[in-house]
Amino acid sequence: MARREELLVGLDVGAAKVAVVVGKSNGDDLAVLGRGFLPLGTVGSAPLLAAQRRGTVVDLKATTEAIVKAVHEAELGANCGILSVLASIGGAHVRSVNSHGVVAIKRGEVRPEDVERVLEAARALALPDDRQVLHVLPQDYVLDGQEGILDPTGMSGIRLEARVHVVTASVTAAHNVLACCQGAGLDVVGLVWAPLATAEAVLTQEEKELGVALLDFGAGTTDVLVFDRGAPRFSFSLGLGGAVVTSDVAHGLQTPFHEAEHLKVSQGCAVRDLVGAHERVEVPGVGGRPPRLVPRSELAWMIEARVEEIVQLVWDEVRKVEADRYLNCGVVLAGGGAALPGLDVLVQRVTGQQVRVAKDLVLASDDLSEDPPAVLDGIYAGALGLLRFHLRSRGEELVPQTSAHRVFRVVKSYLREFVSALRA
């Protein structure tokens, strides 16, 4: 009997854009039916984007309006109405830590409720009231000293341990994303950390197993997510991204910010040695001043200086915890900044790793769409990754946990144990 197809919507709320992908699942398969995209601009002469700062929503109205327009475009493409979404959240407020939980196995065999209990124990971190757990990502389990177990269910033992990667977020930032979506008339079925969603779209399972680092270059932040043996081992978010590069170009060349962004995208390069000595670019003036020609190498020098600083800061964090020892497959570059020419050369120079740039996204399935795109533009990586994350994590609770939610989960776990004991 065929399984019921399920309509899924991924909403990627970034610092420079809002992207929406509508897909239809049939089991573990996925077809893209529609998509919407809206870039977020600047306001006046502000050096950072109007709706987001360091990846965090600061203008609810502008972000809500962008969501409405991007969702409408996706609705037209998919010929459907969108009522609920799985949304992304990002920003420098996101932090992560590796944690560890231990429980006793009461009946000699590991049951699903035992796995839930040990994960609950691992997530029991001492967090301030303004932070909440976003994800508890299992790395592996240890049963009576036996390490490296991926799924202990059904195995015999008396002591179960879980090693997990816990991602936490600002309660206020999460509520602001939810408020924007609700203001656009959307229900949010869950929030997913943006780089985690991007990883689902641009990394292969082989890369995750062997060891790889995702460097996600956004407008507001630059994020790194290190995988090994299929699980996240380290992650870090730096509150510097493409917007600060644009700001450097605007100040250095004395041109409006929107013109600086256009110059960066159309004429920029992350390595000045890759630019011809006689190349020139036209730089618009400010306040009615005439445009002027400057060497393209001058533009590249400004970009290279800032991007190299960003990459070095991120890589220092990776090396501080020795996460670079996992990287048998090197580094994969994603995000809007990954399209910058020469970025792969610069990253390889700083990190000493082999580098791959994730550009277009090859779809695993497209036979359900009337006009199927065999390849999806890389700007939709986060939104597409949200759908794939949802399919892989089906059954897991994705909605951010408030204190009330956490209490409910603990009570529910104890009630399940009590009922099981009565039946035994």
Protein backbone atom coordinates (compact mmCIF):
# COMPACT_ATOMS: atom_id res chain seq x y z
CA MET A 1 0.00 0.00 0.00
CA ALA A 2 1.42 3.35 -1.01
CA ARG A 3 2.29 5.74 1.77
CA ARG A 4 0.48 9.06 1.99
CA GLU A 5 2.33 11.96 0.45
CA GLU A 6 3.07 14.84 2.80
CA LEU A 7 3.44 18.50 1.87
CA LEU A 8 6.45 20.14 3.53
CA VAL A 9 7.54 23.79 3.60
CA GLY A 10 10.99 25.01 4.60
CA LEU A 11 11.40 28.70 5.49
CA ASP A 12 14.99 29.94 5.67
CA VAL A 13 15.11 33.34 7.38
CA GLY A 14 18.60 34.72 6.78
CA ALA A 15 20.25 38.07 7.30
CA ALA A 16 20.25 38.90 3.58
CA LYS A 17 17.30 36.94 2.27
CA VAL A 18 14.20 34.89 2.90
CA ALA A 19 13.97 31.62 0.95
CA VAL A 20 11.07 29.18 0.83
CA VAL A 21 10.94 25.67 -0.64
CA VAL A 22 7.76 23.63 -0.94
CA GLY A 23 8.24 19.88 -1.26
CA LYS A 24 6.20 16.73 -1.25
CA SER A 25 7.36 13.60 0.51
CA ASN A 26 6.43 10.03 -0.16
CA GLY A 27 8.21 7.97 2.45
CA ASP A 28 11.84 9.04 2.42
CA ASP A 29 11.60 10.64 -1.03
CA LEU A 30 11.29 14.36 -1.74
CA ALA A 31 10.17 16.39 -4.74
CA VAL A 32 10.41 20.18 -4.97
CA LEU A 33 7.11 21.71 -6.09
CA GLY A 34 7.69 25.43 -5.61
CA ARG A 35 10.10 27.99 -4.27
CA GLY A 36 10.20 31.65 -3.33
CA PHE A 37 13.04 34.07 -2.69
CA LEU A 38 13.32 37.66 -1.56
CA PRO A 39 16.58 39.50 -0.87
CA LEU A 40 16.63 41.91 2.07
CA GLY A 41 18.16 45.29 1.29
CA THR A 42 19.55 48.12 3.38
CA VAL A 43 17.80 51.13 4.85
CA GLY A 44 19.33 54.53 4.18
CA SER A 45 23.05 54.42 4.84
CA ALA A 46 22.97 51.76 7.55
CA PRO A 47 25.99 49.49 7.13
CA LEU A 48 24.09 46.41 8.26
CA LEU A 49 20.95 44.90 6.86
CA ALA A 50 17.73 46.47 8.03
CA ALA A 51 15.80 43.42 9.19
CA GLN A 52 18.65 41.42 10.69
CA ARG A 53 21.81 42.17 12.62
CA ARG A 54 24.47 39.53 13.24
CA GLY A 55 21.85 37.06 11.97
CA THR A 56 19.26 38.09 14.58
CA VAL A 57 15.90 39.69 13.75
CA VAL A 58 15.82 43.35 14.80
CA ASP A 59 13.00 44.60 12.53
CA LEU A 60 9.90 42.44 12.92
CA LYS A 61 7.87 44.35 10.34
CA ALA A 62 10.47 44.18 7.56
CA THR A 63 11.17 40.49 8.17
CA THR A 64 7.46 39.65 8.30
CA GLU A 65 6.81 41.47 5.02
CA ALA A 66 9.69 39.60 3.38
CA ILE A 67 8.30 36.28 4.60
CA VAL A 68 4.85 37.11 3.21
CA LYS A 69 6.24 37.92 -0.25
CA ALA A 70 8.56 34.89 -0.45
CA VAL A 71 5.80 32.55 0.73
CA HIS A 72 3.38 34.00 -1.83
CA GLU A 73 5.88 33.34 -4.62
CA ALA A 74 6.30 29.75 -3.44
CA GLU A 75 2.52 29.30 -3.26
CA LEU A 76 2.15 30.39 -6.88
CA GLY A 77 4.86 27.98 -8.00
CA ALA A 78 3.47 25.03 -6.05
CA ASN A 79 -0.18 25.93 -6.73
CA CYS A 80 -1.09 25.51 -3.08
CA GLY A 81 -1.72 27.47 0.09
CA ILE A 82 0.93 27.48 2.82
CA LEU A 83 -0.27 27.43 6.41
CA SER A 84 2.65 25.92 8.35
CA VAL A 85 6.42 25.88 7.96
CA LEU A 86 9.60 24.47 9.41
CA ALA A 87 11.72 27.58 9.97
CA SER A 88 15.42 28.22 10.43
CA ILE A 89 17.05 30.31 13.14
CA GLY A 90 20.58 31.66 13.14
CA GLY A 91 22.74 34.34 14.65
CA ALA A 92 25.68 34.89 16.93
CA HIS A 93 23.44 34.11 19.92
CA VAL A 94 23.47 30.40 19.02
CA ARG A 95 25.95 28.38 21.09
CA SER A 96 26.73 24.72 21.45
CA VAL A 97 28.41 22.28 23.80
CA ASN A 98 29.08 18.56 23.96
CA SER A 99 27.23 16.92 26.84
CA HIS A 100 26.92 13.53 28.47
CA GLY A 101 24.05 11.68 30.16
CA VAL A 102 23.84 8.43 32.17
CA VAL A 103 20.83 6.32 33.24
CA ALA A 104 20.32 2.87 34.71
CA ILE A 105 18.53 0.21 32.63
CA LYS A 106 15.90 -1.21 34.96
CA ARG A 107 14.71 -4.23 32.96
CA GLY A 108 18.00 -5.45 31.48
CA GLU A 109 17.11 -4.46 27.91
CA VAL A 110 17.29 -0.99 26.39
CA ARG A 111 13.87 0.26 25.38
CA PRO A 112 12.93 3.43 23.47
CA GLU A 113 11.93 5.12 26.72
CA ASP A 114 15.42 4.42 28.11
CA VAL A 115 16.95 6.18 25.11
CA GLU A 116 14.62 9.12 25.67
CA ARG A 117 15.58 9.25 29.36
CA VAL A 118 19.31 9.27 28.69
CA LEU A 119 18.92 12.02 26.09
CA GLU A 120 16.86 13.99 28.59
CA ALA A 121 19.65 13.53 31.13
CA ALA A 122 22.22 14.75 28.61
CA ARG A 123 20.23 17.87 27.83
CA ALA A 124 19.85 18.81 31.51
CA LEU A 125 22.30 21.70 31.34
CA ALA A 126 22.41 24.62 33.78
CA LEU A 127 21.13 27.30 31.40
CA PRO A 128 20.20 30.87 32.29
CA ASP A 129 16.54 31.80 31.94
CA ASP A 130 17.17 33.67 28.68
CA ARG A 131 18.46 30.58 26.85
CA GLN A 132 16.78 27.39 25.66
CA VAL A 133 17.82 24.10 24.13
CA LEU A 134 17.30 24.04 20.37
CA HIS A 135 18.73 20.60 19.50
CA VAL A 136 20.07 17.54 21.29
CA LEU A 137 22.03 15.72 18.57
CA PRO A 138 23.20 12.21 19.53
CA GLN A 139 26.82 11.38 18.72
CA ASP A 140 26.95 7.83 20.09
CA TYR A 141 25.95 5.68 23.04
CA VAL A 142 27.93 3.65 25.58
CA LEU A 143 26.34 0.53 27.05
CA ASP A 144 28.15 -1.07 30.00
CA GLY A 145 31.45 0.35 28.74
CA GLN A 146 30.94 -0.65 25.10
CA GLU A 147 31.47 2.51 23.06
CA GLY A 148 30.50 3.64 19.58
CA ILE A 149 26.91 2.33 19.60
CA LEU A 150 24.64 4.23 17.23
CA ASP A 151 21.31 2.73 18.35
CA PRO A 152 21.22 0.80 21.64
CA THR A 153 17.52 -0.13 21.42
CA GLY A 154 17.02 -3.84 22.08
CA MET A 155 20.52 -4.42 23.44
CA SER A 156 21.10 -5.89 26.92
CA GLY A 157 22.81 -3.95 29.66
CA ILE A 158 22.42 -2.13 32.96
CA ARG A 159 24.08 1.28 32.37
CA LEU A 160 23.41 3.46 29.32
CA GLU A 161 25.35 6.61 28.48
CA ALA A 162 24.73 9.12 25.70
CA ARG A 163 27.18 11.55 24.16
CA VAL A 164 25.37 14.44 22.50
CA HIS A 165 25.92 17.81 20.87
CA VAL A 166 23.57 20.37 22.42
CA VAL A 167 22.69 23.54 20.50
CA THR A 168 21.16 26.40 22.50
CA ALA A 169 19.63 29.69 21.42
CA SER A 170 18.42 32.95 22.88
CA VAL A 171 14.79 32.70 23.99
CA THR A 172 14.17 36.24 22.73
CA ALA A 173 15.66 35.55 19.31
CA ALA A 174 13.59 32.38 18.94
CA HIS A 175 10.42 34.20 19.96
CA ASN A 176 11.14 36.96 17.42
CA VAL A 177 11.41 34.44 14.58
CA LEU A 178 8.16 32.83 15.71
CA ALA A 179 6.50 36.26 15.90
CA CYS A 180 7.54 37.08 12.32
CA CYS A 181 6.15 33.80 11.03
CA GLN A 182 2.92 34.16 13.01
CA GLY A 183 2.61 37.73 11.78
CA ALA A 184 2.75 36.32 8.25
CA GLY A 185 -0.12 33.96 9.10
CA LEU A 186 2.04 30.85 9.44
CA ASP A 187 2.19 28.17 12.07
CA VAL A 188 5.72 27.03 12.92
CA VAL A 189 6.07 23.27 13.39
CA GLY A 190 9.68 23.62 14.52
CA LEU A 191 12.84 25.70 14.52
CA VAL A 192 16.14 24.34 13.19
CA TRP A 193 19.57 25.93 13.50
CA ALA A 194 20.30 27.27 10.00
CA PRO A 195 23.77 25.68 9.43
CA LEU A 196 22.37 22.31 10.49
CA ALA A 197 19.74 22.59 7.78
CA THR A 198 22.33 23.73 5.22
CA ALA A 199 24.44 20.69 6.06
CA GLU A 200 21.53 18.43 5.09
CA ALA A 201 21.48 20.01 1.64
CA VAL A 202 25.17 20.34 0.79
CA LEU A 203 27.05 17.56 2.61
CA THR A 204 27.09 13.94 1.54
CA GLN A 205 26.66 11.14 4.05
CA GLU A 206 30.16 9.91 3.17
CA GLU A 207 31.63 13.31 4.09
CA LYS A 208 29.80 13.29 7.42
CA GLU A 209 31.03 9.79 8.17
CA LEU A 210 34.68 10.39 7.26
CA GLY A 211 34.87 13.87 8.79
CA VAL A 212 34.19 17.29 7.27
CA ALA A 213 33.76 20.93 8.27
CA LEU A 214 30.94 23.05 6.85
CA LEU A 215 31.78 26.76 6.66
CA ASP A 216 28.54 28.65 6.11
CA PHE A 217 29.24 32.24 5.03
CA GLY A 218 26.10 34.30 5.60
CA ALA A 219 25.53 38.03 5.59
CA GLY A 220 25.26 38.35 9.37
CA THR A 221 27.33 35.42 10.65
CA THR A 222 29.91 32.88 9.64
CA ASP A 223 29.19 29.43 11.05
CA VAL A 224 31.26 26.26 11.25
CA LEU A 225 29.85 22.79 11.84
CA VAL A 226 32.23 19.82 12.12
CA PHE A 227 30.98 16.27 11.50
CA ASP A 228 32.66 12.93 12.19
CA ARG A 229 31.18 9.42 12.14
CA GLY A 230 27.93 10.93 10.92
CA ALA A 231 27.34 13.25 13.89
CA PRO A 232 28.17 16.87 14.81
CA ARG A 233 31.29 17.10 16.97
CA PHE A 234 31.82 20.87 17.13
CA SER A 235 30.01 24.02 16.03
CA PHE A 236 30.61 27.72 16.35
CA SER A 237 28.93 30.93 15.19
CA LEU A 238 30.88 34.14 14.60
CA GLY A 239 28.97 37.42 14.45
CA LEU A 240 30.81 38.59 11.33
CA GLY A 241 29.69 37.89 7.79
CA GLY A 242 29.28 39.34 4.33
CA ALA A 243 27.64 42.53 5.61
CA VAL A 244 30.82 43.67 7.33
CA VAL A 245 32.78 43.02 4.12
CA THR A 246 30.29 45.23 2.28
CA SER A 247 30.73 47.89 4.96
CA ASP A 248 34.52 47.83 4.47
CA VAL A 249 34.11 48.27 0.71
CA ALA A 250 31.63 51.14 1.17
CA HIS A 251 33.94 53.01 3.54
CA GLY A 252 37.12 52.22 1.65
CA LEU A 253 35.83 53.21 -1.77
CA GLN A 254 33.47 55.94 -0.49
CA THR A 255 30.41 54.58 -2.22
CA PRO A 256 26.82 53.86 -1.04
CA PHE A 257 26.29 50.55 0.72
CA HIS A 258 23.99 49.11 -1.93
CA GLU A 259 26.59 49.98 -4.59
CA ALA A 260 29.32 48.40 -2.44
CA GLU A 261 27.27 45.21 -2.24
CA HIS A 262 26.85 45.20 -6.01
CA LEU A 263 30.58 45.74 -6.53
CA LYS A 264 31.43 42.94 -4.10
CA VAL A 265 29.12 40.49 -5.83
CA SER A 266 29.84 41.42 -9.45
CA GLN A 267 33.52 42.43 -9.37
CA GLY A 268 34.85 41.18 -6.05
CA CYS A 269 37.49 38.53 -5.42
CA ALA A 270 38.76 37.07 -2.16
CA VAL A 271 42.39 36.87 -3.37
CA ARG A 272 43.90 39.97 -4.97
CA ASP A 273 46.65 37.95 -6.69
CA LEU A 274 43.91 36.43 -8.87
CA VAL A 275 43.00 39.88 -10.26
CA GLY A 276 44.69 41.32 -13.34
CA ALA A 277 47.03 44.25 -12.71
CA HIS A 278 45.33 46.45 -15.32
CA GLU A 279 41.70 45.69 -14.48
CA ARG A 280 39.54 48.63 -13.43
CA VAL A 281 36.07 48.93 -11.89
CA GLU A 282 33.71 51.88 -11.92
CA VAL A 283 32.79 53.06 -8.44
CA PRO A 284 29.65 55.22 -8.07
CA GLY A 285 30.05 58.34 -5.95
CA VAL A 286 28.08 59.47 -2.90
CA GLY A 287 25.69 62.44 -2.83
CA GLY A 288 25.76 63.12 -6.56
CA ARG A 289 29.54 62.93 -6.90
CA PRO A 290 30.70 61.52 -10.26
CA PRO A 291 31.78 57.87 -10.55
CA ARG A 292 35.47 57.07 -10.80
CA LEU A 293 37.65 54.20 -11.97
CA VAL A 294 39.77 52.35 -9.41
CA PRO A 295 41.98 49.27 -9.77
CA ARG A 296 40.00 46.08 -9.25
CA SER A 297 42.93 44.85 -7.14
CA GLU A 298 42.10 47.60 -4.61
CA LEU A 299 38.59 46.20 -4.24
CA ALA A 300 40.00 42.69 -3.91
CA TRP A 301 42.50 43.84 -1.29
CA MET A 302 39.70 45.20 0.93
CA ILE A 303 37.68 42.02 0.56
CA GLU A 304 40.66 39.72 1.12
CA ALA A 305 41.74 41.48 4.32
CA ARG A 306 38.35 41.15 6.00
CA VAL A 307 37.49 37.67 4.73
CA GLU A 308 40.88 36.32 5.78
CA GLU A 309 40.30 37.76 9.26
CA ILE A 310 36.89 36.05 9.47
CA VAL A 311 38.22 32.69 8.31
CA GLN A 312 41.16 32.90 10.70
CA LEU A 313 38.89 33.69 13.67
CA VAL A 314 36.64 30.75 12.90
CA TRP A 315 39.56 28.40 12.30
CA ASP A 316 41.24 29.42 15.55
CA GLU A 317 38.13 28.15 17.36
CA VAL A 318 38.26 24.87 15.43
CA ARG A 319 41.91 24.32 16.32
CA LYS A 320 41.42 25.39 19.93
CA VAL A 321 39.32 22.27 20.55
CA GLU A 322 41.38 20.17 18.09
CA ALA A 323 38.31 19.58 15.91
CA ASP A 324 40.54 19.79 12.83
CA ARG A 325 41.69 16.22 13.58
CA TYR A 326 38.35 14.95 12.25
CA LEU A 327 38.65 16.52 8.79
CA ASN A 328 39.50 13.65 6.46
CA CYS A 329 37.28 15.27 3.80
CA GLY A 330 38.42 18.83 4.42
CA VAL A 331 36.08 21.82 4.20
CA VAL A 332 32.85 22.51 2.31
CA LEU A 333 31.88 26.15 1.69
CA ALA A 334 28.23 27.20 1.61
CA GLY A 335 26.07 30.28 2.08
CA GLY A 336 25.82 33.45 0.01
CA GLY A 337 29.48 34.27 0.55
CA ALA A 338 30.58 30.95 -0.95
CA ALA A 339 29.94 32.40 -4.42
CA LEU A 340 32.75 34.94 -3.95
CA PRO A 341 35.52 34.11 -6.46
CA GLY A 342 38.75 32.99 -4.85
CA LEU A 343 37.17 32.15 -1.49
CA ASP A 344 38.13 28.49 -1.82
CA VAL A 345 41.74 29.50 -2.49
CA LEU A 346 41.80 31.74 0.58
CA VAL A 347 40.20 29.13 2.86
CA GLN A 348 42.65 26.48 1.69
CA ARG A 349 45.52 28.87 2.39
CA VAL A 350 44.33 29.64 5.93
CA THR A 351 43.22 26.14 6.95
CA GLY A 352 45.56 23.91 4.96
CA GLN A 353 42.54 21.73 4.11
CA GLN A 354 41.14 20.58 0.79
CA VAL A 355 38.12 22.72 -0.07
CA ARG A 356 34.89 22.12 -1.99
CA VAL A 357 32.39 24.87 -2.86
CA ALA A 358 28.72 23.87 -2.62
CA LYS A 359 26.94 25.63 -5.47
CA ASP A 360 23.91 24.11 -7.18
CA LEU A 361 21.85 21.52 -5.31
CA VAL A 362 21.11 18.30 -7.17
CA LEU A 363 17.68 17.02 -6.22
CA ALA A 364 17.33 13.38 -5.28
CA SER A 365 13.84 13.18 -6.77
CA ASP A 366 11.81 15.39 -9.05
CA ASP A 367 9.35 13.08 -10.73
CA LEU A 368 6.35 14.47 -8.81
CA SER A 369 6.72 17.99 -10.17
CA GLU A 370 5.13 19.07 -13.45
CA ASP A 371 8.14 21.25 -14.26
CA PRO A 372 10.89 19.62 -12.18
CA PRO A 373 14.13 21.52 -11.60
CA ALA A 374 16.90 18.93 -11.82
CA VAL A 375 19.15 21.41 -10.04
CA LEU A 376 18.20 23.99 -7.42
CA ASP A 377 20.17 27.20 -6.94
CA GLY A 378 22.45 27.21 -3.90
CA ILE A 379 20.56 30.14 -2.36
CA TYR A 380 17.87 27.60 -1.44
CA ALA A 381 20.27 25.32 0.46
CA GLY A 382 18.91 26.24 3.88
CA ALA A 383 15.26 25.89 2.89
CA LEU A 384 15.80 22.59 1.09
CA GLY A 385 17.89 21.33 4.00
CA LEU A 386 15.02 22.07 6.36
CA LEU A 387 12.83 19.63 4.43
CA ARG A 388 15.49 16.94 4.43
CA PHE A 389 16.14 17.50 8.14
CA HIS A 390 12.44 17.08 8.81
CA LEU A 391 12.30 13.81 6.88
CA ARG A 392 15.36 12.44 8.67
CA SER A 393 14.18 13.61 12.11
CA ARG A 394 10.56 12.55 11.76
CA GLY A 395 9.10 11.74 15.15
CA GLU A 396 11.54 13.96 17.04
CA GLU A 397 10.29 17.09 18.80
CA LEU A 398 11.62 20.14 16.96
CA VAL A 399 9.69 22.99 18.56
CA PRO A 400 11.96 25.04 20.87
CA GLN A 401 11.59 24.03 24.49
CA THR A 402 10.38 26.49 27.10
CA SER A 403 10.68 25.65 30.79
CA ALA A 404 7.07 24.43 30.76
CA HIS A 405 7.82 22.13 27.84
CA ARG A 406 10.83 20.66 29.66
CA VAL A 407 8.79 19.97 32.79
CA PHE A 408 6.11 18.30 30.67
CA ARG A 409 8.70 16.05 29.01
CA VAL A 410 10.11 14.94 32.36
CA VAL A 411 6.66 14.22 33.79
CA LYS A 412 5.68 12.33 30.65
CA SER A 413 8.84 10.18 30.91
CA TYR A 414 8.12 9.27 34.55
CA LEU A 415 4.49 8.47 33.78
CA ARG A 416 5.58 6.14 30.97
CA GLU A 417 7.95 4.35 33.31
CA PHE A 418 5.21 4.03 35.96
CA VAL A 419 2.74 2.52 33.48
CA SER A 420 5.40 0.11 32.17
CA ALA A 421 6.17 -1.01 35.73
CA LEU A 422 2.47 -1.70 36.39
CA ARG A 423 2.25 -3.83 33.26
CA ALA A 424 5.43 -5.77 33.99
